Amino acid sequence: MKCVFCGGIVEKKNTTFNYEEEDKYMVIKNVPTEVCTKCGEKTYSPAITDDLLRFAKHEFNPIALIEVPVYDYADRT
């Protein structure tokens, strides 16, 4: 299969999907993805996209919670 953006070769692999909406962040590991070996564009099947939306609605239980430091570049002094 070829990438619809650059024509590169697309490979199936599991990736990490990062989700951000306002102050809500999620990391979803081992997501089946088609990734272009040339430009890196990631594509998800309709079924995987539906599942990712279900994760965003908290329909699944997280396997871990992490603490992440937050910095403000404008306040670097």
PDB file of N, CA and C in Angstrom:
ATOM      1  N   MET A   1       0.844  -1.180   0.000  1.00  0.00           N
ATOM      2  CA  MET A   1       0.000   0.000   0.000  1.00  0.00           C
ATOM      3  C   MET A   1       0.888   1.241   0.000  1.00  0.00           C
ATOM      4  N   LYS A   2       0.413   2.306  -0.635  1.00  0.00           N
ATOM      5  CA  LYS A   2       1.183   3.545  -0.725  1.00  0.00           C
ATOM      6  C   LYS A   2       0.524   4.660   0.084  1.00  0.00           C
ATOM      7  N   CYS A   3       1.358   5.544   0.594  1.00  0.00           N
ATOM      8  CA  CYS A   3       0.897   6.705   1.359  1.00  0.00           C
ATOM      9  C   CYS A   3       0.116   7.639   0.440  1.00  0.00           C
ATOM     10  N   VAL A   4      -1.037   8.079   0.901  1.00  0.00           N
ATOM     11  CA  VAL A   4      -1.860   8.986   0.088  1.00  0.00           C
ATOM     12  C   VAL A   4      -1.278  10.394   0.055  1.00  0.00           C
ATOM     13  N   PHE A   5      -0.334  10.704   0.948  1.00  0.00           N
ATOM     14  CA  PHE A   5       0.244  12.042   1.000  1.00  0.00           C
ATOM     15  C   PHE A   5       1.516  12.173   0.159  1.00  0.00           C
ATOM     16  N   CYS A   6       2.427  11.161   0.261  1.00  0.00           N
ATOM     17  CA  CYS A   6       3.716  11.305  -0.422  1.00  0.00           C
ATOM     18  C   CYS A   6       4.036  10.160  -1.377  1.00  0.00           C
ATOM     19  N   GLY A   7       3.210   9.111  -1.376  1.00  0.00           N
ATOM     20  CA  GLY A   7       3.464   7.975  -2.245  1.00  0.00           C
ATOM     21  C   GLY A   7       4.440   6.960  -1.692  1.00  0.00           C
ATOM     22  N   GLY A   8       4.917   7.189  -0.462  1.00  0.00           N
ATOM     23  CA  GLY A   8       5.847   6.252   0.177  1.00  0.00           C
ATOM     24  C   GLY A   8       5.164   4.937   0.531  1.00  0.00           C
ATOM     25  N   ILE A   9       5.968   3.986   0.959  1.00  0.00           N
ATOM     26  CA  ILE A   9       5.463   2.665   1.343  1.00  0.00           C
ATOM     27  C   ILE A   9       4.900   2.733   2.760  1.00  0.00           C
ATOM     28  N   VAL A  10       3.733   2.116   2.945  1.00  0.00           N
ATOM     29  CA  VAL A  10       3.062   2.096   4.244  1.00  0.00           C
ATOM     30  C   VAL A  10       3.253   0.726   4.884  1.00  0.00           C
ATOM     31  N   GLU A  11       3.646   0.727   6.155  1.00  0.00           N
ATOM     32  CA  GLU A  11       3.829  -0.516   6.918  1.00  0.00           C
ATOM     33  C   GLU A  11       2.871  -0.540   8.088  1.00  0.00           C
ATOM     34  N   LYS A  12       2.414  -1.743   8.428  1.00  0.00           N
ATOM     35  CA  LYS A  12       1.577  -1.907   9.615  1.00  0.00           C
ATOM     36  C   LYS A  12       2.485  -2.087  10.820  1.00  0.00           C
ATOM     37  N   LYS A  13       2.210  -1.315  11.879  1.00  0.00           N
ATOM     38  CA  LYS A  13       2.962  -1.460  13.125  1.00  0.00           C
ATOM     39  C   LYS A  13       2.133  -0.899  14.262  1.00  0.00           C
ATOM     40  N   ASN A  14       2.483  -1.272  15.464  1.00  0.00           N
ATOM     41  CA  ASN A  14       1.819  -0.717  16.643  1.00  0.00           C
ATOM     42  C   ASN A  14       2.551   0.546  17.064  1.00  0.00           C
ATOM     43  N   THR A  15       1.780   1.593  17.360  1.00  0.00           N
ATOM     44  CA  THR A  15       2.364   2.870  17.764  1.00  0.00           C
ATOM     45  C   THR A  15       1.687   3.355  19.045  1.00  0.00           C
ATOM     46  N   THR A  16       2.165   4.467  19.538  1.00  0.00           N
ATOM     47  CA  THR A  16       1.554   5.130  20.684  1.00  0.00           C
ATOM     48  C   THR A  16       0.768   6.329  20.177  1.00  0.00           C
ATOM     49  N   PHE A  17      -0.487   6.430  20.602  1.00  0.00           N
ATOM     50  CA  PHE A  17      -1.367   7.523  20.201  1.00  0.00           C
ATOM     51  C   PHE A  17      -1.484   8.483  21.378  1.00  0.00           C
ATOM     52  N   ASN A  18      -1.155   9.748  21.159  1.00  0.00           N
ATOM     53  CA  ASN A  18      -1.271  10.776  22.193  1.00  0.00           C
ATOM     54  C   ASN A  18      -2.496  11.630  21.899  1.00  0.00           C
ATOM     55  N   TYR A  19      -3.302  11.830  22.911  1.00  0.00           N
ATOM     56  CA  TYR A  19      -4.558  12.571  22.757  1.00  0.00           C
ATOM     57  C   TYR A  19      -4.535  13.764  23.689  1.00  0.00           C
ATOM     58  N   GLU A  20      -4.910  14.934  23.170  1.00  0.00           N
ATOM     59  CA  GLU A  20      -4.955  16.155  23.968  1.00  0.00           C
ATOM     60  C   GLU A  20      -6.205  16.942  23.609  1.00  0.00           C
ATOM     61  N   GLU A  21      -6.936  17.341  24.639  1.00  0.00           N
ATOM     62  CA  GLU A  21      -8.109  18.198  24.457  1.00  0.00           C
ATOM     63  C   GLU A  21      -8.224  19.078  25.690  1.00  0.00           C
ATOM     64  N   GLU A  22      -8.030  20.381  25.508  1.00  0.00           N
ATOM     65  CA  GLU A  22      -7.988  21.341  26.613  1.00  0.00           C
ATOM     66  C   GLU A  22      -6.959  20.861  27.638  1.00  0.00           C
ATOM     67  N   ASP A  23      -7.343  20.587  28.877  1.00  0.00           N
ATOM     68  CA  ASP A  23      -6.403  20.112  29.895  1.00  0.00           C
ATOM     69  C   ASP A  23      -6.479  18.605  30.092  1.00  0.00           C
ATOM     70  N   LYS A  24      -6.964  17.899  29.103  1.00  0.00           N
ATOM     71  CA  LYS A  24      -7.114  16.451  29.192  1.00  0.00           C
ATOM     72  C   LYS A  24      -6.090  15.800  28.258  1.00  0.00           C
ATOM     73  N   TYR A  25      -5.302  14.900  28.816  1.00  0.00           N
ATOM     74  CA  TYR A  25      -4.260  14.227  28.044  1.00  0.00           C
ATOM     75  C   TYR A  25      -4.369  12.724  28.251  1.00  0.00           C
ATOM     76  N   MET A  26      -4.133  11.970  27.179  1.00  0.00           N
ATOM     77  CA  MET A  26      -4.140  10.515  27.254  1.00  0.00           C
ATOM     78  C   MET A  26      -3.040   9.955  26.376  1.00  0.00           C
ATOM     79  N   VAL A  27      -2.485   8.841  26.811  1.00  0.00           N
ATOM     80  CA  VAL A  27      -1.517   8.100  26.029  1.00  0.00           C
ATOM     81  C   VAL A  27      -2.095   6.700  25.847  1.00  0.00           C
ATOM     82  N   ILE A  28      -2.233   6.273  24.605  1.00  0.00           N
ATOM     83  CA  ILE A  28      -2.778   4.954  24.313  1.00  0.00           C
ATOM     84  C   ILE A  28      -1.685   4.170  23.588  1.00  0.00           C
ATOM     85  N   LYS A  29      -1.197   3.124  24.231  1.00  0.00           N
ATOM     86  CA  LYS A  29      -0.083   2.342  23.697  1.00  0.00           C
ATOM     87  C   LYS A  29      -0.571   1.195  22.819  1.00  0.00           C
ATOM     88  N   ASN A  30       0.318   0.737  21.950  1.00  0.00           N
ATOM     89  CA  ASN A  30       0.103  -0.450  21.112  1.00  0.00           C
ATOM     90  C   ASN A  30      -1.110  -0.347  20.197  1.00  0.00           C
ATOM     91  N   VAL A  31      -1.258   0.800  19.552  1.00  0.00           N
ATOM     92  CA  VAL A  31      -2.384   1.020  18.637  1.00  0.00           C
ATOM     93  C   VAL A  31      -1.996   0.523  17.236  1.00  0.00           C
ATOM     94  N   PRO A  32      -2.775  -0.396  16.648  1.00  0.00           N
ATOM     95  CA  PRO A  32      -2.495  -0.838  15.281  1.00  0.00           C
ATOM     96  C   PRO A  32      -2.610   0.348  14.311  1.00  0.00           C
ATOM     97  N   THR A  33      -1.531   0.597  13.579  1.00  0.00           N
ATOM     98  CA  THR A  33      -1.428   1.792  12.752  1.00  0.00           C
ATOM     99  C   THR A  33      -0.755   1.449  11.429  1.00  0.00           C
ATOM    100  N   GLU A  34      -1.099   2.171  10.380  1.00  0.00           N
ATOM    101  CA  GLU A  34      -0.363   2.102   9.133  1.00  0.00           C
ATOM    102  C   GLU A  34       0.504   3.349   9.072  1.00  0.00           C
ATOM    103  N   VAL A  35       1.826   3.163   8.956  1.00  0.00           N
ATOM    104  CA  VAL A  35       2.772   4.277   9.021  1.00  0.00           C
ATOM    105  C   VAL A  35       3.583   4.334   7.733  1.00  0.00           C
ATOM    106  N   CYS A  36       3.670   5.526   7.153  1.00  0.00           N
ATOM    107  CA  CYS A  36       4.473   5.728   5.953  1.00  0.00           C
ATOM    108  C   CYS A  36       5.954   5.725   6.331  1.00  0.00           C
ATOM    109  N   THR A  37       6.740   4.912   5.633  1.00  0.00           N
ATOM    110  CA  THR A  37       8.178   4.838   5.913  1.00  0.00           C
ATOM    111  C   THR A  37       8.933   6.056   5.388  1.00  0.00           C
ATOM    112  N   LYS A  38       8.292   6.841   4.538  1.00  0.00           N
ATOM    113  CA  LYS A  38       8.948   8.020   3.963  1.00  0.00           C
ATOM    114  C   LYS A  38       8.643   9.294   4.759  1.00  0.00           C
ATOM    115  N   CYS A  39       7.354   9.603   4.957  1.00  0.00           N
ATOM    116  CA  CYS A  39       6.990  10.868   5.617  1.00  0.00           C
ATOM    117  C   CYS A  39       6.524  10.690   7.063  1.00  0.00           C
ATOM    118  N   GLY A  40       6.257   9.441   7.495  1.00  0.00           N
ATOM    119  CA  GLY A  40       5.855   9.190   8.871  1.00  0.00           C
ATOM    120  C   GLY A  40       4.371   9.372   9.147  1.00  0.00           C
ATOM    121  N   GLU A  41       3.593   9.693   8.124  1.00  0.00           N
ATOM    122  CA  GLU A  41       2.146   9.879   8.308  1.00  0.00           C
ATOM    123  C   GLU A  41       1.523   8.602   8.870  1.00  0.00           C
ATOM    124  N   LYS A  42       0.666   8.765   9.884  1.00  0.00           N
ATOM    125  CA  LYS A  42      -0.013   7.630  10.506  1.00  0.00           C
ATOM    126  C   LYS A  42      -1.476   7.609  10.072  1.00  0.00           C
ATOM    127  N   THR A  43      -1.964   6.416   9.754  1.00  0.00           N
ATOM    128  CA  THR A  43      -3.352   6.230   9.352  1.00  0.00           C
ATOM    129  C   THR A  43      -3.961   5.126  10.200  1.00  0.00           C
ATOM    130  N   TYR A  44      -5.207   5.342  10.620  1.00  0.00           N
ATOM    131  CA  TYR A  44      -5.916   4.371  11.450  1.00  0.00           C
ATOM    132  C   TYR A  44      -7.159   3.899  10.709  1.00  0.00           C
ATOM    133  N   SER A  45      -7.466   2.613  10.841  1.00  0.00           N
ATOM    134  CA  SER A  45      -8.674   2.081  10.219  1.00  0.00           C
ATOM    135  C   SER A  45      -9.899   2.683  10.905  1.00  0.00           C
ATOM    136  N   PRO A  46     -11.057   2.628  10.263  1.00  0.00           N
ATOM    137  CA  PRO A  46     -12.281   3.137  10.906  1.00  0.00           C
ATOM    138  C   PRO A  46     -12.567   2.461  12.249  1.00  0.00           C
ATOM    139  N   ALA A  47     -12.327   1.153  12.354  1.00  0.00           N
ATOM    140  CA  ALA A  47     -12.576   0.442  13.617  1.00  0.00           C
ATOM    141  C   ALA A  47     -11.638   0.926  14.718  1.00  0.00           C
ATOM    142  N   ILE A  48     -10.365   1.145  14.383  1.00  0.00           N
ATOM    143  CA  ILE A  48      -9.399   1.646  15.366  1.00  0.00           C
ATOM    144  C   ILE A  48      -9.766   3.069  15.768  1.00  0.00           C
ATOM    145  N   THR A  49     -10.174   3.890  14.819  1.00  0.00           N
ATOM    146  CA  THR A  49     -10.594   5.261  15.120  1.00  0.00           C
ATOM    147  C   THR A  49     -11.781   5.254  16.071  1.00  0.00           C
ATOM    148  N   ASP A  50     -12.733   4.368  15.852  1.00  0.00           N
ATOM    149  CA  ASP A  50     -13.877   4.245  16.770  1.00  0.00           C
ATOM    150  C   ASP A  50     -13.412   3.882  18.172  1.00  0.00           C
ATOM    151  N   ASP A  51     -12.458   2.953  18.269  1.00  0.00           N
ATOM    152  CA  ASP A  51     -11.930   2.571  19.580  1.00  0.00           C
ATOM    153  C   ASP A  51     -11.198   3.732  20.248  1.00  0.00           C
ATOM    154  N   LEU A  52     -10.429   4.498  19.469  1.00  0.00           N
ATOM    155  CA  LEU A  52      -9.717   5.646  20.046  1.00  0.00           C
ATOM    156  C   LEU A  52     -10.708   6.663  20.614  1.00  0.00           C
ATOM    157  N   LEU A  53     -11.819   6.854  19.935  1.00  0.00           N
ATOM    158  CA  LEU A  53     -12.860   7.754  20.453  1.00  0.00           C
ATOM    159  C   LEU A  53     -13.463   7.199  21.743  1.00  0.00           C
ATOM    160  N   ARG A  54     -13.580   5.893  21.826  1.00  0.00           N
ATOM    161  CA  ARG A  54     -14.093   5.272  23.057  1.00  0.00           C
ATOM    162  C   ARG A  54     -13.115   5.476  24.216  1.00  0.00           C
ATOM    163  N   PHE A  55     -11.812   5.405  23.937  1.00  0.00           N
ATOM    164  CA  PHE A  55     -10.817   5.699  24.973  1.00  0.00           C
ATOM    165  C   PHE A  55     -10.999   7.137  25.453  1.00  0.00           C
ATOM    166  N   ALA A  56     -11.192   8.066  24.517  1.00  0.00           N
ATOM    167  CA  ALA A  56     -11.348   9.485  24.860  1.00  0.00           C
ATOM    168  C   ALA A  56     -12.576   9.717  25.730  1.00  0.00           C
ATOM    169  N   LYS A  57     -13.576   8.848  25.615  1.00  0.00           N
ATOM    170  CA  LYS A  57     -14.797   8.964  26.427  1.00  0.00           C
ATOM    171  C   LYS A  57     -14.695   8.164  27.725  1.00  0.00           C
ATOM    172  N   HIS A  58     -13.499   7.655  28.012  1.00  0.00           N
ATOM    173  CA  HIS A  58     -13.222   6.887  29.235  1.00  0.00           C
ATOM    174  C   HIS A  58     -14.041   5.609  29.337  1.00  0.00           C
ATOM    175  N   GLU A  59     -14.258   4.929  28.230  1.00  0.00           N
ATOM    176  CA  GLU A  59     -14.994   3.674  28.252  1.00  0.00           C
ATOM    177  C   GLU A  59     -14.115   2.495  28.650  1.00  0.00           C
ATOM    178  N   PHE A  60     -12.804   2.729  28.766  1.00  0.00           N
ATOM    179  CA  PHE A  60     -11.868   1.680  29.175  1.00  0.00           C
ATOM    180  C   PHE A  60     -11.141   2.161  30.418  1.00  0.00           C
ATOM    181  N   ASN A  61     -10.617   1.236  31.202  1.00  0.00           N
ATOM    182  CA  ASN A  61      -9.850   1.582  32.393  1.00  0.00           C
ATOM    183  C   ASN A  61      -8.372   1.728  32.027  1.00  0.00           C
ATOM    184  N   PRO A  62      -7.710   2.764  32.547  1.00  0.00           N
ATOM    185  CA  PRO A  62      -6.282   2.931  32.259  1.00  0.00           C
ATOM    186  C   PRO A  62      -5.458   1.828  32.930  1.00  0.00           C
ATOM    187  N   ILE A  63      -4.315   1.501  32.306  1.00  0.00           N
ATOM    188  CA  ILE A  63      -3.416   0.518  32.902  1.00  0.00           C
ATOM    189  C   ILE A  63      -2.435   1.185  33.864  1.00  0.00           C
ATOM    190  N   ALA A  64      -2.291   2.513  33.758  1.00  0.00           N
ATOM    191  CA  ALA A  64      -1.385   3.253  34.633  1.00  0.00           C
ATOM    192  C   ALA A  64      -1.752   4.730  34.596  1.00  0.00           C
ATOM    193  N   LEU A  65      -1.336   5.441  35.632  1.00  0.00           N
ATOM    194  CA  LEU A  65      -1.446   6.902  35.678  1.00  0.00           C
ATOM    195  C   LEU A  65      -0.039   7.440  35.856  1.00  0.00           C
ATOM    196  N   ILE A  66       0.284   8.530  35.149  1.00  0.00           N
ATOM    197  CA  ILE A  66       1.611   9.112  35.258  1.00  0.00           C
ATOM    198  C   ILE A  66       1.510  10.577  35.664  1.00  0.00           C
ATOM    199  N   GLU A  67       2.546  11.050  36.312  1.00  0.00           N
ATOM    200  CA  GLU A  67       2.629  12.459  36.687  1.00  0.00           C
ATOM    201  C   GLU A  67       3.599  13.129  35.726  1.00  0.00           C
ATOM    202  N   VAL A  68       3.193  14.272  35.166  1.00  0.00           N
ATOM    203  CA  VAL A  68       4.005  14.962  34.170  1.00  0.00           C
ATOM    204  C   VAL A  68       4.232  16.400  34.619  1.00  0.00           C
ATOM    205  N   PRO A  69       5.495  16.835  34.693  1.00  0.00           N
ATOM    206  CA  PRO A  69       5.732  18.237  35.036  1.00  0.00           C
ATOM    207  C   PRO A  69       5.270  19.144  33.900  1.00  0.00           C
ATOM    208  N   VAL A  70       4.737  20.299  34.245  1.00  0.00           N
ATOM    209  CA  VAL A  70       4.268  21.275  33.261  1.00  0.00           C
ATOM    210  C   VAL A  70       5.069  22.561  33.437  1.00  0.00           C
ATOM    211  N   TYR A  71       5.625  23.059  32.355  1.00  0.00           N
ATOM    212  CA  TYR A  71       6.411  24.284  32.374  1.00  0.00           C
ATOM    213  C   TYR A  71       5.778  25.318  31.463  1.00  0.00           C
ATOM    214  N   ASP A  72       6.045  26.582  31.749  1.00  0.00           N
ATOM    215  CA  ASP A  72       5.600  27.673  30.881  1.00  0.00           C
ATOM    216  C   ASP A  72       6.860  28.347  30.342  1.00  0.00           C
ATOM    217  N   TYR A  73       7.095  28.231  29.068  1.00  0.00           N
ATOM    218  CA  TYR A  73       8.286  28.801  28.448  1.00  0.00           C
ATOM    219  C   TYR A  73       8.377  30.301  28.698  1.00  0.00           C
ATOM    220  N   ALA A  74       7.251  30.994  28.687  1.00  0.00           N
ATOM    221  CA  ALA A  74       7.236  32.450  28.896  1.00  0.00           C
ATOM    222  C   ALA A  74       7.685  32.818  30.310  1.00  0.00           C
ATOM    223  N   ASP A  75       7.623  31.866  31.226  1.00  0.00           N
ATOM    224  CA  ASP A  75       7.964  32.126  32.625  1.00  0.00           C
ATOM    225  C   ASP A  75       9.293  31.432  32.983  1.00  0.00           C
ATOM    226  N   ARG A  76      10.273  31.514  32.090  1.00  0.00           N
ATOM    227  CA  ARG A  76      11.512  30.762  32.276  1.00  0.00           C
ATOM    228  C   ARG A  76      12.572  31.488  33.096  1.00  0.00           C
ATOM    229  N   THR A  77      12.278  32.662  33.614  1.00  0.00           N
ATOM    230  CA  THR A  77      13.276  33.403  34.383  1.00  0.00           C
ATOM    231  C   THR A  77      13.258  33.051  35.832  1.00  0.00           C
TER     232      THR A  77
END
